[in-house]
Amino acid sequence: MKTLVIVIHSDLENSVINKRWVEELKKDPEKYVVHELHRLYPDEKIDVEKEQRLLEMHEKIIFQFPFYWFNCPPFFKKWLDEVLSHGWAYGKGSDYKLRGKKIALGIAAGINEEDYRPSGRYKYTLKQLTAPFEVTFDYVKADYKSLFAFYGAEHNATIERIEESAGNYITFIENI
């Protein structure tokens, strides 16, 4: 079964890391469905039923996005609020449509990894800062598998590191 990769990036064409990862995923359309939210919904008016059907069709789902202001893009939060609806994803009478589905995050972080440590500049790890996603996906009974991250996108994104990350990202997804 194919892996659904939901890409949330408002300027993917000018991206470095996310754009490269999408290029790598698109090399194998037999394995990956690349679903670019901003391309599909430039007005951010989400077709909730379409999104829910797409999620139902896949057992492995990756949410790929840039990490800024220590969070996800606002459109991703809106998507979560609308698509993971009561009665569909959770709640009394729900079938918990995401139950058991493997879910992970693919994150491009502008900040260097050493800054995301308890002893670092920002005091928290990326895993700690993304804990609300783990709680959310646990709440809807999905099988949350953590994250893959590229650190230092703003300052240390050499061609070699970017290329290496693309291969490592595919390996991460395949091993979920």
N, C-alpha and C. Protein backbone atom coordinates (compact mmCIF):
# COMPACT_ATOMS: atom_id res chain seq x y z
N MET A 1 0.84 -1.19 0.00
CA MET A 1 0.00 0.00 0.00
C MET A 1 0.88 1.25 0.00
N LYS A 2 0.43 2.28 -0.68
CA LYS A 2 1.18 3.53 -0.78
C LYS A 2 1.15 4.31 0.54
N THR A 3 2.19 5.10 0.72
CA THR A 3 2.27 6.01 1.86
C THR A 3 1.76 7.38 1.42
N LEU A 4 0.89 7.96 2.21
CA LEU A 4 0.39 9.31 1.96
C LEU A 4 1.30 10.30 2.66
N VAL A 5 1.85 11.24 1.89
CA VAL A 5 2.68 12.30 2.46
C VAL A 5 1.95 13.62 2.25
N ILE A 6 1.48 14.19 3.33
CA ILE A 6 0.75 15.45 3.28
C ILE A 6 1.76 16.57 3.52
N VAL A 7 1.97 17.38 2.49
CA VAL A 7 2.96 18.46 2.54
C VAL A 7 2.25 19.77 2.83
N ILE A 8 2.70 20.44 3.89
CA ILE A 8 2.13 21.72 4.28
C ILE A 8 3.25 22.75 4.23
N HIS A 9 3.32 23.45 3.12
CA HIS A 9 4.37 24.47 2.94
C HIS A 9 3.79 25.56 2.05
N SER A 10 3.75 26.78 2.55
CA SER A 10 3.12 27.88 1.82
C SER A 10 3.92 28.36 0.61
N ASP A 11 5.19 28.01 0.52
CA ASP A 11 6.02 28.46 -0.60
C ASP A 11 6.97 27.34 -1.01
N LEU A 12 6.40 26.23 -1.40
CA LEU A 12 7.20 25.04 -1.70
C LEU A 12 8.17 25.29 -2.86
N GLU A 13 7.79 26.07 -3.82
CA GLU A 13 8.66 26.34 -4.96
C GLU A 13 9.98 26.99 -4.55
N ASN A 14 9.96 27.79 -3.50
CA ASN A 14 11.17 28.46 -3.03
C ASN A 14 11.79 27.78 -1.82
N SER A 15 11.26 26.64 -1.46
CA SER A 15 11.80 25.86 -0.36
C SER A 15 13.09 25.18 -0.81
N VAL A 16 13.91 24.83 0.13
CA VAL A 16 15.11 24.08 -0.18
C VAL A 16 14.91 22.63 0.26
N ILE A 17 14.68 22.42 1.54
CA ILE A 17 14.58 21.06 2.09
C ILE A 17 13.28 20.39 1.68
N ASN A 18 12.15 20.99 1.99
CA ASN A 18 10.86 20.37 1.66
C ASN A 18 10.72 20.11 0.17
N LYS A 19 11.15 21.03 -0.65
CA LYS A 19 11.08 20.85 -2.10
C LYS A 19 11.91 19.64 -2.53
N ARG A 20 13.10 19.51 -1.96
CA ARG A 20 13.97 18.38 -2.31
C ARG A 20 13.34 17.06 -1.87
N TRP A 21 12.75 17.04 -0.68
CA TRP A 21 12.10 15.82 -0.22
C TRP A 21 10.94 15.44 -1.13
N VAL A 22 10.15 16.43 -1.55
CA VAL A 22 9.04 16.15 -2.45
C VAL A 22 9.55 15.59 -3.77
N GLU A 23 10.61 16.16 -4.29
CA GLU A 23 11.21 15.63 -5.53
C GLU A 23 11.59 14.16 -5.36
N GLU A 24 12.17 13.83 -4.22
CA GLU A 24 12.59 12.45 -3.97
C GLU A 24 11.38 11.53 -3.87
N LEU A 25 10.35 11.96 -3.19
CA LEU A 25 9.13 11.15 -3.06
C LEU A 25 8.47 10.92 -4.41
N LYS A 26 8.46 11.94 -5.25
CA LYS A 26 7.79 11.84 -6.55
C LYS A 26 8.52 10.94 -7.53
N LYS A 27 9.74 10.55 -7.21
CA LYS A 27 10.48 9.60 -8.05
C LYS A 27 9.85 8.21 -8.01
N ASP A 28 9.06 7.93 -6.98
CA ASP A 28 8.47 6.60 -6.82
C ASP A 28 6.96 6.71 -6.56
N PRO A 29 6.19 7.05 -7.61
CA PRO A 29 4.74 7.21 -7.44
C PRO A 29 4.01 5.90 -7.11
N GLU A 30 4.69 4.79 -7.26
CA GLU A 30 4.09 3.51 -6.86
C GLU A 30 4.08 3.34 -5.34
N LYS A 31 4.94 4.08 -4.65
CA LYS A 31 5.05 3.96 -3.19
C LYS A 31 4.45 5.15 -2.44
N TYR A 32 4.47 6.34 -3.08
CA TYR A 32 4.11 7.56 -2.34
C TYR A 32 3.06 8.38 -3.06
N VAL A 33 2.10 8.86 -2.30
CA VAL A 33 1.13 9.84 -2.77
C VAL A 33 1.52 11.15 -2.10
N VAL A 34 1.95 12.13 -2.89
CA VAL A 34 2.34 13.43 -2.37
C VAL A 34 1.13 14.35 -2.49
N HIS A 35 0.66 14.82 -1.36
CA HIS A 35 -0.57 15.60 -1.26
C HIS A 35 -0.21 17.00 -0.74
N GLU A 36 -0.11 17.96 -1.63
CA GLU A 36 0.34 19.31 -1.29
C GLU A 36 -0.86 20.19 -0.96
N LEU A 37 -1.06 20.45 0.33
CA LEU A 37 -2.25 21.17 0.77
C LEU A 37 -2.36 22.58 0.20
N HIS A 38 -1.28 23.33 0.18
CA HIS A 38 -1.36 24.71 -0.31
C HIS A 38 -1.64 24.76 -1.82
N ARG A 39 -1.18 23.78 -2.54
CA ARG A 39 -1.45 23.72 -3.98
C ARG A 39 -2.93 23.39 -4.21
N LEU A 40 -3.47 22.47 -3.42
CA LEU A 40 -4.87 22.07 -3.57
C LEU A 40 -5.85 23.11 -3.04
N TYR A 41 -5.44 23.78 -1.97
CA TYR A 41 -6.34 24.73 -1.31
C TYR A 41 -5.66 26.08 -1.13
N PRO A 42 -5.40 26.81 -2.22
CA PRO A 42 -4.72 28.11 -2.09
C PRO A 42 -5.52 29.12 -1.27
N ASP A 43 -6.83 28.91 -1.21
CA ASP A 43 -7.69 29.79 -0.40
C ASP A 43 -7.89 29.24 1.01
N GLU A 44 -7.26 28.10 1.29
CA GLU A 44 -7.34 27.40 2.58
C GLU A 44 -8.75 26.95 2.95
N LYS A 45 -9.60 26.77 1.94
CA LYS A 45 -10.93 26.21 2.15
C LYS A 45 -10.83 24.71 1.89
N ILE A 46 -10.82 23.96 2.96
CA ILE A 46 -10.53 22.53 2.91
C ILE A 46 -11.78 21.72 2.58
N ASP A 47 -11.64 20.78 1.66
CA ASP A 47 -12.70 19.82 1.38
C ASP A 47 -12.53 18.69 2.40
N VAL A 48 -13.21 18.82 3.51
CA VAL A 48 -13.03 17.91 4.65
C VAL A 48 -13.32 16.47 4.27
N GLU A 49 -14.42 16.24 3.59
CA GLU A 49 -14.77 14.86 3.22
C GLU A 49 -13.73 14.24 2.31
N LYS A 50 -13.21 15.00 1.37
CA LYS A 50 -12.15 14.51 0.47
C LYS A 50 -10.91 14.14 1.27
N GLU A 51 -10.54 15.01 2.21
CA GLU A 51 -9.36 14.74 3.04
C GLU A 51 -9.57 13.50 3.90
N GLN A 52 -10.74 13.35 4.46
CA GLN A 52 -11.03 12.18 5.29
C GLN A 52 -10.98 10.89 4.47
N ARG A 53 -11.55 10.93 3.27
CA ARG A 53 -11.50 9.73 2.40
C ARG A 53 -10.07 9.37 2.07
N LEU A 54 -9.25 10.39 1.80
CA LEU A 54 -7.84 10.14 1.47
C LEU A 54 -7.13 9.48 2.65
N LEU A 55 -7.37 9.97 3.85
CA LEU A 55 -6.77 9.37 5.04
C LEU A 55 -7.23 7.93 5.22
N GLU A 56 -8.50 7.68 4.98
CA GLU A 56 -9.04 6.33 5.15
C GLU A 56 -8.39 5.34 4.19
N MET A 57 -7.93 5.82 3.04
CA MET A 57 -7.35 4.95 2.01
C MET A 57 -5.89 4.55 2.29
N HIS A 58 -5.26 5.14 3.29
CA HIS A 58 -3.84 4.90 3.53
C HIS A 58 -3.60 4.43 4.96
N GLU A 59 -2.66 3.52 5.10
CA GLU A 59 -2.31 3.00 6.43
C GLU A 59 -1.10 3.70 7.02
N LYS A 60 -0.34 4.38 6.17
CA LYS A 60 0.85 5.10 6.63
C LYS A 60 0.73 6.53 6.13
N ILE A 61 0.82 7.50 7.07
CA ILE A 61 0.62 8.91 6.74
C ILE A 61 1.74 9.73 7.35
N ILE A 62 2.38 10.55 6.51
CA ILE A 62 3.44 11.44 6.97
C ILE A 62 2.97 12.88 6.77
N PHE A 63 3.16 13.70 7.78
CA PHE A 63 2.89 15.13 7.66
C PHE A 63 4.24 15.82 7.55
N GLN A 64 4.46 16.47 6.42
CA GLN A 64 5.75 17.12 6.14
C GLN A 64 5.57 18.63 6.12
N PHE A 65 6.42 19.33 6.90
CA PHE A 65 6.27 20.78 6.99
C PHE A 65 7.52 21.44 7.55
N PRO A 66 7.67 22.74 7.30
CA PRO A 66 8.73 23.50 7.96
C PRO A 66 8.31 23.82 9.39
N PHE A 67 9.26 23.83 10.28
CA PHE A 67 9.00 24.13 11.69
C PHE A 67 9.49 25.55 11.96
N TYR A 68 8.54 26.43 12.27
CA TYR A 68 8.95 27.80 12.57
C TYR A 68 8.09 28.34 13.70
N TRP A 69 8.66 29.25 14.43
CA TRP A 69 8.04 29.75 15.66
C TRP A 69 7.67 28.59 16.58
N PHE A 70 8.52 27.55 16.52
CA PHE A 70 8.41 26.40 17.42
C PHE A 70 7.08 25.68 17.27
N ASN A 71 6.59 25.67 16.04
CA ASN A 71 5.29 25.05 15.79
C ASN A 71 5.15 24.70 14.32
N CYS A 72 3.98 24.19 13.99
CA CYS A 72 3.65 23.85 12.61
C CYS A 72 3.09 25.09 11.90
N PRO A 73 3.00 25.04 10.58
CA PRO A 73 2.35 26.13 9.86
C PRO A 73 0.88 26.24 10.29
N PRO A 74 0.33 27.44 10.32
CA PRO A 74 -1.07 27.61 10.77
C PRO A 74 -2.08 26.83 9.92
N PHE A 75 -1.79 26.64 8.64
CA PHE A 75 -2.73 25.89 7.80
C PHE A 75 -2.82 24.43 8.25
N PHE A 76 -1.73 23.89 8.76
CA PHE A 76 -1.76 22.52 9.28
C PHE A 76 -2.67 22.45 10.50
N LYS A 77 -2.58 23.42 11.38
CA LYS A 77 -3.45 23.44 12.56
C LYS A 77 -4.91 23.53 12.13
N LYS A 78 -5.21 24.38 11.15
CA LYS A 78 -6.57 24.50 10.64
C LYS A 78 -7.02 23.16 10.06
N TRP A 79 -6.14 22.51 9.30
CA TRP A 79 -6.46 21.22 8.71
C TRP A 79 -6.80 20.21 9.81
N LEU A 80 -5.97 20.14 10.84
CA LEU A 80 -6.24 19.23 11.96
C LEU A 80 -7.60 19.52 12.59
N ASP A 81 -7.87 20.80 12.85
CA ASP A 81 -9.13 21.19 13.49
C ASP A 81 -10.35 20.78 12.67
N GLU A 82 -10.25 20.89 11.37
CA GLU A 82 -11.40 20.61 10.52
C GLU A 82 -11.51 19.15 10.12
N VAL A 83 -10.41 18.52 9.78
CA VAL A 83 -10.45 17.16 9.25
C VAL A 83 -10.62 16.11 10.36
N LEU A 84 -9.96 16.30 11.48
CA LEU A 84 -10.08 15.33 12.58
C LEU A 84 -11.32 15.67 13.40
N SER A 85 -12.46 15.51 12.79
CA SER A 85 -13.72 15.96 13.38
C SER A 85 -14.30 14.94 14.35
N HIS A 86 -15.10 15.48 15.26
CA HIS A 86 -15.83 14.66 16.23
C HIS A 86 -16.79 13.75 15.46
N GLY A 87 -16.82 12.50 15.86
CA GLY A 87 -17.68 11.53 15.19
C GLY A 87 -16.97 10.79 14.07
N TRP A 88 -15.93 11.40 13.52
CA TRP A 88 -15.14 10.73 12.49
C TRP A 88 -13.81 10.25 13.07
N ALA A 89 -13.07 11.13 13.70
CA ALA A 89 -11.75 10.78 14.23
C ALA A 89 -11.78 10.42 15.71
N TYR A 90 -12.77 10.89 16.42
CA TYR A 90 -12.83 10.67 17.87
C TYR A 90 -14.26 10.93 18.35
N GLY A 91 -14.48 10.60 19.61
CA GLY A 91 -15.73 10.95 20.26
C GLY A 91 -16.75 9.84 20.32
N LYS A 92 -17.80 10.10 21.08
CA LYS A 92 -18.88 9.14 21.27
C LYS A 92 -19.49 8.78 19.92
N GLY A 93 -19.59 7.51 19.67
CA GLY A 93 -20.16 7.02 18.42
C GLY A 93 -19.19 7.03 17.25
N SER A 94 -17.95 7.43 17.48
CA SER A 94 -16.98 7.50 16.41
C SER A 94 -16.43 6.11 16.08
N ASP A 95 -16.09 5.93 14.83
CA ASP A 95 -15.40 4.71 14.41
C ASP A 95 -13.89 4.85 14.54
N TYR A 96 -13.44 6.02 15.00
CA TYR A 96 -12.00 6.29 15.11
C TYR A 96 -11.30 5.88 13.81
N LYS A 97 -11.59 6.61 12.76
CA LYS A 97 -11.15 6.27 11.41
C LYS A 97 -9.63 6.22 11.25
N LEU A 98 -8.88 6.81 12.17
CA LEU A 98 -7.42 6.76 12.09
C LEU A 98 -6.83 5.68 13.00
N ARG A 99 -7.68 4.90 13.61
CA ARG A 99 -7.24 3.85 14.53
C ARG A 99 -6.19 2.95 13.87
N GLY A 100 -5.04 2.85 14.52
CA GLY A 100 -3.98 1.95 14.07
C GLY A 100 -3.16 2.43 12.89
N LYS A 101 -3.55 3.53 12.27
CA LYS A 101 -2.78 4.04 11.14
C LYS A 101 -1.46 4.60 11.64
N LYS A 102 -0.39 4.29 10.92
CA LYS A 102 0.94 4.76 11.32
C LYS A 102 1.10 6.20 10.84
N ILE A 103 1.43 7.08 11.77
CA ILE A 103 1.55 8.50 11.47
C ILE A 103 2.87 9.03 12.00
N ALA A 104 3.53 9.84 11.18
CA ALA A 104 4.81 10.45 11.58
C ALA A 104 4.91 11.84 10.98
N LEU A 105 5.93 12.56 11.45
CA LEU A 105 6.19 13.92 10.98
C LEU A 105 7.52 13.97 10.25
N GLY A 106 7.57 14.76 9.18
CA GLY A 106 8.82 15.07 8.48
C GLY A 106 9.01 16.58 8.59
N ILE A 107 10.02 17.00 9.33
CA ILE A 107 10.17 18.42 9.68
C ILE A 107 11.50 18.99 9.20
N ALA A 108 11.42 20.16 8.58
CA ALA A 108 12.61 20.94 8.27
C ALA A 108 12.67 22.07 9.28
N ALA A 109 13.69 22.04 10.12
CA ALA A 109 13.86 23.05 11.17
C ALA A 109 15.01 23.98 10.80
N GLY A 110 14.76 25.25 10.86
CA GLY A 110 15.79 26.23 10.51
C GLY A 110 16.93 26.29 11.51
N ILE A 111 16.66 25.91 12.73
CA ILE A 111 17.61 26.03 13.83
C ILE A 111 18.47 24.77 13.92
N ASN A 112 19.70 24.93 14.36
CA ASN A 112 20.62 23.80 14.52
C ASN A 112 20.18 22.87 15.64
N GLU A 113 20.52 21.61 15.51
CA GLU A 113 20.09 20.59 16.47
C GLU A 113 20.59 20.89 17.89
N GLU A 114 21.82 21.38 18.02
CA GLU A 114 22.35 21.63 19.37
C GLU A 114 21.57 22.72 20.11
N ASP A 115 20.85 23.56 19.39
CA ASP A 115 20.01 24.57 20.04
C ASP A 115 18.71 23.97 20.59
N TYR A 116 18.34 22.78 20.08
CA TYR A 116 17.15 22.08 20.54
C TYR A 116 17.55 21.02 21.57
N ARG A 117 18.13 21.44 22.64
CA ARG A 117 18.53 20.56 23.74
C ARG A 117 18.20 21.25 25.05
N PRO A 118 18.03 20.49 26.13
CA PRO A 118 17.80 21.13 27.43
C PRO A 118 18.90 22.12 27.80
N SER A 119 20.12 21.85 27.36
CA SER A 119 21.23 22.76 27.64
C SER A 119 21.45 23.78 26.52
N GLY A 120 20.62 23.69 25.47
CA GLY A 120 20.77 24.56 24.31
C GLY A 120 20.02 25.88 24.45
N ARG A 121 20.12 26.65 23.42
CA ARG A 121 19.54 27.99 23.39
C ARG A 121 18.03 28.00 23.66
N TYR A 122 17.31 26.98 23.14
CA TYR A 122 15.85 26.98 23.26
C TYR A 122 15.30 26.03 24.32
N LYS A 123 16.16 25.32 25.02
CA LYS A 123 15.84 24.54 26.23
C LYS A 123 15.01 23.28 26.01
N TYR A 124 14.47 23.08 24.83
CA TYR A 124 13.61 21.93 24.58
C TYR A 124 14.07 21.21 23.32
N THR A 125 13.85 19.90 23.29
CA THR A 125 14.15 19.13 22.09
C THR A 125 12.98 19.28 21.11
N LEU A 126 13.24 18.96 19.87
CA LEU A 126 12.17 19.00 18.88
C LEU A 126 11.09 17.98 19.23
N LYS A 127 11.49 16.86 19.76
CA LYS A 127 10.52 15.85 20.21
C LYS A 127 9.60 16.43 21.29
N GLN A 128 10.16 17.18 22.23
CA GLN A 128 9.34 17.81 23.26
C GLN A 128 8.40 18.86 22.67
N LEU A 129 8.91 19.64 21.75
CA LEU A 129 8.10 20.70 21.16
C LEU A 129 6.99 20.17 20.25
N THR A 130 7.17 18.95 19.76
CA THR A 130 6.13 18.35 18.92
C THR A 130 5.24 17.37 19.70
N ALA A 131 5.37 17.34 21.01
CA ALA A 131 4.55 16.45 21.85
C ALA A 131 3.04 16.62 21.61
N PRO A 132 2.54 17.84 21.34
CA PRO A 132 1.09 17.95 21.07
C PRO A 132 0.63 17.09 19.88
N PHE A 133 1.49 16.86 18.90
CA PHE A 133 1.12 15.99 17.79
C PHE A 133 0.98 14.55 18.27
N GLU A 134 1.92 14.12 19.10
CA GLU A 134 1.84 12.77 19.65
C GLU A 134 0.55 12.60 20.44
N VAL A 135 0.22 13.57 21.29
CA VAL A 135 -1.00 13.50 22.08
C VAL A 135 -2.23 13.48 21.17
N THR A 136 -2.23 14.33 20.15
CA THR A 136 -3.36 14.39 19.20
C THR A 136 -3.57 13.05 18.52
N PHE A 137 -2.50 12.48 18.00
CA PHE A 137 -2.65 11.23 17.26
C PHE A 137 -2.92 10.04 18.19
N ASP A 138 -2.43 10.09 19.40
CA ASP A 138 -2.81 9.08 20.39
C ASP A 138 -4.30 9.20 20.72
N TYR A 139 -4.78 10.42 20.82
CA TYR A 139 -6.19 10.69 21.16
C TYR A 139 -7.14 10.08 20.13
N VAL A 140 -6.73 10.10 18.86
CA VAL A 140 -7.59 9.53 17.82
C VAL A 140 -7.23 8.07 17.53
N LYS A 141 -6.41 7.50 18.41
CA LYS A 141 -6.03 6.08 18.39
C LYS A 141 -5.16 5.67 17.20
N ALA A 142 -4.46 6.65 16.62
CA ALA A 142 -3.49 6.34 15.57
C ALA A 142 -2.21 5.83 16.22
N ASP A 143 -1.33 5.30 15.42
CA ASP A 143 -0.06 4.75 15.89
C ASP A 143 1.04 5.76 15.55
N TYR A 144 1.27 6.71 16.46
CA TYR A 144 2.23 7.78 16.22
C TYR A 144 3.66 7.24 16.26
N LYS A 145 4.45 7.57 15.24
CA LYS A 145 5.80 7.03 15.08
C LYS A 145 6.90 8.07 15.20
N SER A 146 6.63 9.22 15.75
CA SER A 146 7.64 10.25 15.99
C SER A 146 7.94 11.06 14.74
N LEU A 147 9.23 11.47 14.61
CA LEU A 147 9.54 12.43 13.56
C LEU A 147 10.91 12.20 12.93
N PHE A 148 11.03 12.75 11.73
CA PHE A 148 12.30 12.85 11.03
C PHE A 148 12.55 14.34 10.90
N ALA A 149 13.77 14.77 11.19
CA ALA A 149 14.05 16.20 11.13
C ALA A 149 15.35 16.50 10.40
N PHE A 150 15.30 17.58 9.66
CA PHE A 150 16.50 18.20 9.10
C PHE A 150 16.71 19.46 9.93
N TYR A 151 17.84 19.55 10.60
CA TYR A 151 18.15 20.72 11.44
C TYR A 151 19.09 21.67 10.69
N GLY A 152 18.97 22.93 10.99
CA GLY A 152 19.89 23.92 10.44
C GLY A 152 19.58 24.34 9.02
N ALA A 153 18.32 24.27 8.63
CA ALA A 153 17.95 24.63 7.26
C ALA A 153 18.31 26.07 6.92
N GLU A 154 18.32 26.93 7.91
CA GLU A 154 18.62 28.35 7.67
C GLU A 154 20.12 28.61 7.54
N HIS A 155 20.95 27.80 8.20
CA HIS A 155 22.37 28.14 8.29
C HIS A 155 23.33 27.06 7.78
N ASN A 156 22.91 25.80 7.82
CA ASN A 156 23.83 24.71 7.49
C ASN A 156 23.31 23.79 6.39
N ALA A 157 22.51 24.30 5.50
CA ALA A 157 21.90 23.46 4.47
C ALA A 157 22.81 23.36 3.24
N THR A 158 23.88 22.60 3.39
CA THR A 158 24.78 22.38 2.24
C THR A 158 24.12 21.40 1.28
N ILE A 159 24.55 21.43 0.05
CA ILE A 159 24.01 20.51 -0.96
C ILE A 159 24.20 19.07 -0.50
N GLU A 160 25.35 18.77 0.07
CA GLU A 160 25.62 17.40 0.54
C GLU A 160 24.65 16.99 1.64
N ARG A 161 24.42 17.87 2.61
CA ARG A 161 23.50 17.55 3.71
C ARG A 161 22.07 17.39 3.20
N ILE A 162 21.67 18.24 2.28
CA ILE A 162 20.31 18.15 1.72
C ILE A 162 20.12 16.84 0.99
N GLU A 163 21.08 16.48 0.15
CA GLU A 163 20.99 15.22 -0.60
C GLU A 163 20.97 14.02 0.35
N GLU A 164 21.82 14.05 1.34
CA GLU A 164 21.84 12.97 2.33
C GLU A 164 20.50 12.88 3.05
N SER A 165 19.93 14.02 3.40
CA SER A 165 18.65 14.02 4.12
C SER A 165 17.53 13.43 3.27
N ALA A 166 17.56 13.68 1.96
CA ALA A 166 16.51 13.13 1.10
C ALA A 166 16.51 11.60 1.15
N GLY A 167 17.68 11.01 1.05
CA GLY A 167 17.77 9.55 1.15
C GLY A 167 17.40 9.05 2.53
N ASN A 168 17.83 9.75 3.56
CA ASN A 168 17.51 9.35 4.93
C ASN A 168 16.02 9.48 5.23
N TYR A 169 15.38 10.48 4.64
CA TYR A 169 13.94 10.68 4.80
C TYR A 169 13.18 9.48 4.22
N ILE A 170 13.56 9.07 3.03
CA ILE A 170 12.91 7.91 2.39
C ILE A 170 13.13 6.66 3.27
N THR A 171 14.33 6.47 3.77
CA THR A 171 14.62 5.33 4.65
C THR A 171 13.76 5.38 5.91
N PHE A 172 13.64 6.58 6.51
CA PHE A 172 12.79 6.74 7.69
C PHE A 172 11.36 6.30 7.40
N ILE A 173 10.81 6.77 6.28
CA ILE A 173 9.43 6.44 5.93
C ILE A 173 9.29 4.94 5.69
N GLU A 174 10.23 4.36 4.97
CA GLU A 174 10.15 2.93 4.67
C GLU A 174 10.22 2.08 5.93
N ASN A 175 10.91 2.55 6.96
CA ASN A 175 11.08 1.77 8.19
C ASN A 175 9.96 1.96 9.21
N ILE A 176 8.99 2.75 8.88
CA ILE A 176 7.86 2.94 9.81
C ILE A 176 6.97 1.71 9.77
